[in-house]
Amino acid sequence: MTPELTTELLPPASRNSRAPRWAVRFEGKLIGEVQAKKIGRSSSQFYEGLVLIQGRLISIELDTDLEERCEEILKAWRDPSSNVHTRYALKLKE
């Protein structure tokens, strides 16, 4: 993982939600969040990356690799046009 990229475990989002979630920071600045997800009966743990752009959390898909989600958040935060989900959410041209 990029050395300046860090994660911090966050408290549960609600009393009913026990799924772990992490704040993602680059050089100390909050750039997004990762949330653990279970899909159906799958035994695999998935992680949803949410990038913070213009005050909005934008979902950038699921992956089974936590570090990969953090790197994708950084990539989308640095260049929103590099990710199809951020391009769509922000109405950017290709």
N, C-alpha and C. Protein backbone atom coordinates (compact mmCIF):
# COMPACT_ATOMS: atom_id res chain seq x y z
N MET A 1 0.86 -1.18 0.00
CA MET A 1 0.00 0.00 0.00
C MET A 1 0.90 1.24 0.00
N THR A 2 0.45 2.27 -0.67
CA THR A 2 1.18 3.54 -0.73
C THR A 2 1.48 4.00 0.70
N PRO A 3 2.74 4.37 1.00
CA PRO A 3 3.11 4.72 2.38
C PRO A 3 2.27 5.84 3.01
N GLU A 4 1.86 6.83 2.23
CA GLU A 4 1.10 7.96 2.77
C GLU A 4 -0.38 7.62 2.96
N LEU A 5 -0.79 6.43 2.52
CA LEU A 5 -2.18 6.00 2.59
C LEU A 5 -2.38 5.20 3.87
N THR A 6 -3.32 5.64 4.72
CA THR A 6 -3.56 4.96 5.99
C THR A 6 -5.04 4.67 6.17
N THR A 7 -5.33 3.68 7.02
CA THR A 7 -6.72 3.36 7.36
C THR A 7 -6.88 3.44 8.88
N GLU A 8 -8.10 3.73 9.28
CA GLU A 8 -8.41 3.83 10.70
C GLU A 8 -9.78 3.19 10.91
N LEU A 9 -9.85 2.21 11.81
CA LEU A 9 -11.11 1.52 12.09
C LEU A 9 -12.10 2.51 12.69
N LEU A 10 -13.31 2.54 12.15
CA LEU A 10 -14.36 3.44 12.61
C LEU A 10 -15.35 2.69 13.50
N PRO A 11 -16.07 3.41 14.36
CA PRO A 11 -17.12 2.74 15.14
C PRO A 11 -18.25 2.28 14.23
N PRO A 12 -19.08 1.34 14.69
CA PRO A 12 -20.20 0.89 13.85
C PRO A 12 -21.10 2.05 13.42
N ALA A 13 -21.65 1.94 12.21
CA ALA A 13 -22.50 3.00 11.66
C ALA A 13 -23.81 3.13 12.44
N SER A 14 -24.28 2.02 13.00
CA SER A 14 -25.52 2.04 13.78
C SER A 14 -25.49 0.88 14.77
N ARG A 15 -26.47 0.83 15.64
CA ARG A 15 -26.55 -0.29 16.60
C ARG A 15 -26.76 -1.62 15.90
N ASN A 16 -27.48 -1.59 14.79
CA ASN A 16 -27.80 -2.83 14.07
C ASN A 16 -26.67 -3.30 13.16
N SER A 17 -25.78 -2.41 12.79
CA SER A 17 -24.70 -2.75 11.86
C SER A 17 -23.42 -3.05 12.62
N ARG A 18 -22.96 -4.27 12.49
CA ARG A 18 -21.69 -4.65 13.13
C ARG A 18 -20.57 -4.83 12.10
N ALA A 19 -20.87 -4.55 10.86
CA ALA A 19 -19.87 -4.71 9.80
C ALA A 19 -18.76 -3.68 9.99
N PRO A 20 -17.51 -4.11 9.95
CA PRO A 20 -16.41 -3.17 10.11
C PRO A 20 -16.33 -2.16 8.97
N ARG A 21 -15.85 -0.98 9.28
CA ARG A 21 -15.62 0.05 8.26
C ARG A 21 -14.39 0.84 8.68
N TRP A 22 -13.72 1.37 7.68
CA TRP A 22 -12.47 2.07 7.90
C TRP A 22 -12.48 3.43 7.20
N ALA A 23 -11.91 4.43 7.84
CA ALA A 23 -11.66 5.72 7.19
C ALA A 23 -10.36 5.56 6.42
N VAL A 24 -10.30 6.10 5.22
CA VAL A 24 -9.09 6.03 4.39
C VAL A 24 -8.54 7.45 4.28
N ARG A 25 -7.27 7.61 4.63
CA ARG A 25 -6.63 8.93 4.62
C ARG A 25 -5.37 8.91 3.77
N PHE A 26 -5.15 10.01 3.09
CA PHE A 26 -3.92 10.20 2.32
C PHE A 26 -3.24 11.44 2.87
N GLU A 27 -2.03 11.25 3.37
CA GLU A 27 -1.27 12.33 4.02
C GLU A 27 -2.11 13.03 5.09
N GLY A 28 -2.91 12.23 5.84
CA GLY A 28 -3.72 12.74 6.93
C GLY A 28 -5.08 13.29 6.53
N LYS A 29 -5.34 13.46 5.23
CA LYS A 29 -6.61 14.01 4.75
C LYS A 29 -7.58 12.88 4.45
N LEU A 30 -8.81 12.98 4.96
CA LEU A 30 -9.83 11.97 4.70
C LEU A 30 -10.20 11.98 3.23
N ILE A 31 -10.05 10.82 2.56
CA ILE A 31 -10.37 10.74 1.13
C ILE A 31 -11.45 9.71 0.84
N GLY A 32 -11.85 8.93 1.84
CA GLY A 32 -12.88 7.94 1.58
C GLY A 32 -13.09 7.00 2.74
N GLU A 33 -13.79 5.92 2.44
CA GLU A 33 -14.17 4.94 3.45
C GLU A 33 -14.26 3.57 2.79
N VAL A 34 -13.97 2.54 3.56
CA VAL A 34 -14.15 1.16 3.10
C VAL A 34 -15.09 0.48 4.07
N GLN A 35 -16.08 -0.23 3.54
CA GLN A 35 -17.05 -0.95 4.36
C GLN A 35 -16.99 -2.43 4.02
N ALA A 36 -16.96 -3.27 5.04
CA ALA A 36 -16.99 -4.72 4.83
C ALA A 36 -18.41 -5.13 4.48
N LYS A 37 -18.54 -6.06 3.53
CA LYS A 37 -19.85 -6.51 3.06
C LYS A 37 -19.83 -8.03 2.91
N LYS A 38 -20.96 -8.65 3.19
CA LYS A 38 -21.17 -10.07 2.89
C LYS A 38 -22.18 -10.13 1.77
N ILE A 39 -21.94 -10.95 0.78
CA ILE A 39 -22.83 -11.11 -0.36
C ILE A 39 -23.50 -12.47 -0.26
N GLY A 40 -24.80 -12.46 -0.04
CA GLY A 40 -25.55 -13.71 0.02
C GLY A 40 -24.95 -14.70 0.98
N ARG A 41 -24.77 -15.94 0.52
CA ARG A 41 -24.22 -17.01 1.35
C ARG A 41 -22.72 -17.18 1.15
N SER A 42 -22.12 -16.28 0.44
CA SER A 42 -20.69 -16.37 0.15
C SER A 42 -19.86 -16.39 1.44
N SER A 43 -18.83 -17.20 1.46
CA SER A 43 -17.94 -17.22 2.62
C SER A 43 -16.87 -16.13 2.51
N SER A 44 -16.77 -15.51 1.34
CA SER A 44 -15.77 -14.46 1.12
C SER A 44 -16.22 -13.13 1.71
N GLN A 45 -15.26 -12.39 2.22
CA GLN A 45 -15.49 -11.04 2.73
C GLN A 45 -15.22 -10.06 1.58
N PHE A 46 -16.15 -9.19 1.30
CA PHE A 46 -15.97 -8.18 0.27
C PHE A 46 -15.83 -6.82 0.93
N TYR A 47 -15.18 -5.90 0.23
CA TYR A 47 -14.97 -4.54 0.72
C TYR A 47 -15.48 -3.56 -0.33
N GLU A 48 -16.34 -2.65 0.11
CA GLU A 48 -16.86 -1.62 -0.78
C GLU A 48 -16.06 -0.35 -0.56
N GLY A 49 -15.50 0.16 -1.64
CA GLY A 49 -14.75 1.41 -1.58
C GLY A 49 -15.67 2.59 -1.83
N LEU A 50 -15.58 3.60 -0.98
CA LEU A 50 -16.35 4.83 -1.13
C LEU A 50 -15.37 5.99 -1.15
N VAL A 51 -15.31 6.72 -2.24
CA VAL A 51 -14.38 7.83 -2.36
C VAL A 51 -15.12 9.13 -2.05
N LEU A 52 -14.46 10.03 -1.31
CA LEU A 52 -15.04 11.31 -0.92
C LEU A 52 -14.60 12.38 -1.91
N ILE A 53 -15.55 12.84 -2.74
CA ILE A 53 -15.26 13.87 -3.74
C ILE A 53 -16.37 14.91 -3.65
N GLN A 54 -15.99 16.16 -3.52
CA GLN A 54 -16.94 17.27 -3.45
C GLN A 54 -17.98 17.05 -2.36
N GLY A 55 -17.55 16.50 -1.22
CA GLY A 55 -18.44 16.29 -0.10
C GLY A 55 -19.38 15.11 -0.23
N ARG A 56 -19.21 14.30 -1.27
CA ARG A 56 -20.06 13.14 -1.52
C ARG A 56 -19.26 11.85 -1.44
N LEU A 57 -19.84 10.82 -0.84
CA LEU A 57 -19.24 9.50 -0.85
C LEU A 57 -19.78 8.76 -2.07
N ILE A 58 -18.89 8.36 -2.96
CA ILE A 58 -19.27 7.69 -4.20
C ILE A 58 -18.72 6.26 -4.17
N SER A 59 -19.61 5.29 -4.34
CA SER A 59 -19.22 3.88 -4.33
C SER A 59 -18.41 3.56 -5.59
N ILE A 60 -17.29 2.89 -5.40
CA ILE A 60 -16.45 2.53 -6.56
C ILE A 60 -16.26 1.02 -6.67
N GLU A 61 -17.23 0.26 -6.29
CA GLU A 61 -17.32 -1.19 -6.47
C GLU A 61 -16.74 -2.00 -5.32
N LEU A 62 -16.96 -3.32 -5.41
CA LEU A 62 -16.55 -4.27 -4.38
C LEU A 62 -15.31 -5.05 -4.82
N ASP A 63 -14.55 -5.50 -3.83
CA ASP A 63 -13.38 -6.34 -4.09
C ASP A 63 -13.11 -7.14 -2.82
N THR A 64 -12.44 -8.27 -2.95
CA THR A 64 -12.11 -9.09 -1.78
C THR A 64 -10.81 -8.65 -1.12
N ASP A 65 -10.10 -7.69 -1.71
CA ASP A 65 -8.81 -7.23 -1.20
C ASP A 65 -8.95 -5.82 -0.62
N LEU A 66 -8.79 -5.70 0.69
CA LEU A 66 -8.92 -4.41 1.38
C LEU A 66 -7.91 -3.38 0.88
N GLU A 67 -6.65 -3.80 0.74
CA GLU A 67 -5.63 -2.86 0.27
C GLU A 67 -5.92 -2.37 -1.14
N GLU A 68 -6.42 -3.24 -1.99
CA GLU A 68 -6.76 -2.86 -3.37
C GLU A 68 -7.87 -1.81 -3.37
N ARG A 69 -8.85 -1.96 -2.48
CA ARG A 69 -9.92 -0.96 -2.38
C ARG A 69 -9.35 0.39 -1.95
N CYS A 70 -8.42 0.38 -1.02
CA CYS A 70 -7.80 1.63 -0.56
C CYS A 70 -7.03 2.30 -1.69
N GLU A 71 -6.29 1.51 -2.46
CA GLU A 71 -5.54 2.06 -3.60
C GLU A 71 -6.49 2.62 -4.66
N GLU A 72 -7.62 1.94 -4.90
CA GLU A 72 -8.61 2.43 -5.88
C GLU A 72 -9.26 3.72 -5.41
N ILE A 73 -9.48 3.85 -4.10
CA ILE A 73 -10.02 5.10 -3.55
C ILE A 73 -9.04 6.24 -3.82
N LEU A 74 -7.76 6.00 -3.57
CA LEU A 74 -6.74 7.02 -3.81
C LEU A 74 -6.70 7.40 -5.29
N LYS A 75 -6.71 6.41 -6.16
CA LYS A 75 -6.67 6.66 -7.60
C LYS A 75 -7.88 7.49 -8.05
N ALA A 76 -9.09 7.13 -7.58
CA ALA A 76 -10.30 7.86 -7.96
C ALA A 76 -10.31 9.27 -7.35
N TRP A 77 -9.77 9.42 -6.16
CA TRP A 77 -9.72 10.73 -5.51
C TRP A 77 -8.75 11.67 -6.25
N ARG A 78 -7.60 11.13 -6.65
CA ARG A 78 -6.62 11.93 -7.39
C ARG A 78 -7.14 12.33 -8.77
N ASP A 79 -7.82 11.38 -9.44
CA ASP A 79 -8.31 11.63 -10.79
C ASP A 79 -9.70 11.01 -10.95
N PRO A 80 -10.76 11.77 -10.62
CA PRO A 80 -12.12 11.22 -10.69
C PRO A 80 -12.49 10.68 -12.07
N SER A 81 -11.89 11.18 -13.13
CA SER A 81 -12.22 10.70 -14.47
C SER A 81 -11.62 9.32 -14.76
N SER A 82 -10.76 8.81 -13.87
CA SER A 82 -10.14 7.50 -14.08
C SER A 82 -11.05 6.34 -13.68
N ASN A 83 -12.16 6.62 -13.03
CA ASN A 83 -13.05 5.57 -12.56
C ASN A 83 -14.44 5.77 -13.15
N VAL A 84 -15.00 4.72 -13.71
CA VAL A 84 -16.31 4.82 -14.36
C VAL A 84 -17.40 5.27 -13.39
N HIS A 85 -17.34 4.84 -12.15
CA HIS A 85 -18.38 5.19 -11.18
C HIS A 85 -18.32 6.67 -10.78
N THR A 86 -17.12 7.20 -10.60
CA THR A 86 -17.00 8.62 -10.26
C THR A 86 -17.33 9.48 -11.47
N ARG A 87 -16.95 9.04 -12.67
CA ARG A 87 -17.31 9.79 -13.88
C ARG A 87 -18.82 9.91 -13.99
N TYR A 88 -19.52 8.81 -13.77
CA TYR A 88 -20.98 8.80 -13.88
C TYR A 88 -21.60 9.68 -12.78
N ALA A 89 -21.18 9.51 -11.54
CA ALA A 89 -21.76 10.25 -10.41
C ALA A 89 -21.53 11.75 -10.53
N LEU A 90 -20.36 12.14 -11.07
CA LEU A 90 -20.04 13.56 -11.20
C LEU A 90 -20.38 14.12 -12.57
N LYS A 91 -20.95 13.26 -13.43
CA LYS A 91 -21.33 13.65 -14.79
C LYS A 91 -20.14 14.21 -15.59
N LEU A 92 -19.01 13.50 -15.52
CA LEU A 92 -17.81 13.89 -16.24
C LEU A 92 -17.80 13.23 -17.61
N LYS A 93 -17.21 13.89 -18.57
CA LYS A 93 -17.07 13.30 -19.91
C LYS A 93 -15.83 12.43 -19.92
N GLU A 94 -15.84 11.42 -20.79
CA GLU A 94 -14.71 10.49 -20.89
C GLU A 94 -13.50 11.11 -21.51
